């Protein structure tokens, strides 16, 4: 069952909105590829967390580079 708007799996309930939205996006794509709901939910959340952790790390590296060029 694809998820939309405020309809999302209970395990996403306490996640920050940006992670929850990305998780739903990923999980829906996994469902379209034929994965079962449980797998899609778990992988969606894991990949969303990794996505934002990587973005945060990239931002921190960019900030460090900016701080060193001053």
Protein backbone atom coordinates (compact mmCIF):
# COMPACT_ATOMS: atom_id res chain seq x y z
CA UNK A 1 0.00 0.00 0.00
CA UNK A 2 1.64 3.28 -1.05
CA UNK A 3 1.75 6.10 1.49
CA UNK A 4 0.86 9.74 0.83
CA UNK A 5 0.49 13.00 2.77
CA UNK A 6 0.03 12.23 6.47
CA UNK A 7 -0.55 8.54 5.79
CA UNK A 8 2.65 6.78 6.76
CA UNK A 9 3.73 3.66 8.65
CA UNK A 10 3.59 3.86 12.47
CA UNK A 11 7.37 3.35 12.70
CA UNK A 12 7.80 6.71 10.94
CA UNK A 13 5.59 8.54 13.46
CA UNK A 14 8.31 10.00 15.70
CA UNK A 15 10.78 10.79 12.92
CA UNK A 16 11.53 14.39 11.95
CA UNK A 17 9.33 15.50 9.05
CA UNK A 18 12.19 15.66 6.52
CA UNK A 19 13.26 12.10 7.33
CA UNK A 20 9.68 10.84 7.37
CA UNK A 21 8.92 12.40 3.97
CA UNK A 22 12.09 10.99 2.41
CA UNK A 23 11.37 7.58 3.98
CA UNK A 24 7.90 7.54 2.43
CA UNK A 25 9.34 8.52 -0.95
CA UNK A 26 11.90 5.71 -0.84
CA UNK A 27 9.46 3.13 0.56
CA UNK A 28 6.91 3.91 -2.16
CA UNK A 29 9.58 3.43 -4.82
CA UNK A 30 10.54 0.10 -3.26
CA UNK A 31 6.90 -1.01 -3.27
CA UNK A 32 6.66 -0.18 -6.98
CA UNK A 33 9.70 -2.39 -7.54
CA UNK A 34 7.85 -5.28 -5.91
CA UNK A 35 9.30 -5.29 -2.40
CA UNK A 36 7.00 -6.23 0.47
CA UNK A 37 5.75 -3.55 2.87
CA UNK A 38 7.92 -4.54 5.84
CA UNK A 39 11.08 -4.47 3.77
CA UNK A 40 10.12 -1.19 2.09
CA UNK A 41 9.42 0.46 5.45
CA UNK A 42 12.70 -0.64 7.01
CA UNK A 43 14.88 0.16 4.01
CA UNK A 44 13.07 3.46 3.42
CA UNK A 45 13.84 4.67 6.92
CA UNK A 46 17.44 3.45 6.84
CA UNK A 47 18.19 5.09 3.50
CA UNK A 48 16.47 8.35 4.46
CA UNK A 49 18.57 8.60 7.63
CA UNK A 50 21.73 7.87 5.63
CA UNK A 51 20.75 10.47 3.02
CA UNK A 52 20.41 13.25 5.57
CA UNK A 53 23.47 12.16 7.54
CA UNK A 54 25.50 12.39 4.34
CA UNK A 55 24.06 15.83 3.53
CA UNK A 56 24.91 17.02 7.05
CA UNK A 57 28.45 15.69 6.71
CA UNK A 58 28.87 17.42 3.33
CA UNK A 59 27.61 20.69 4.82
CA UNK A 60 30.05 20.39 7.73
CA UNK A 61 32.95 19.76 5.36
CA UNK A 62 31.96 22.75 3.23
CA UNK A 63 31.75 24.92 6.34
CA UNK A 64 35.20 23.79 7.47
CA UNK A 65 36.62 24.63 4.05
CA UNK A 66 34.98 28.06 4.17
CA UNK A 67 36.36 28.68 7.66
CA UNK A 68 39.87 27.85 6.49
CA UNK A 69 39.77 30.12 3.44
CA UNK A 70 39.13 33.27 5.47
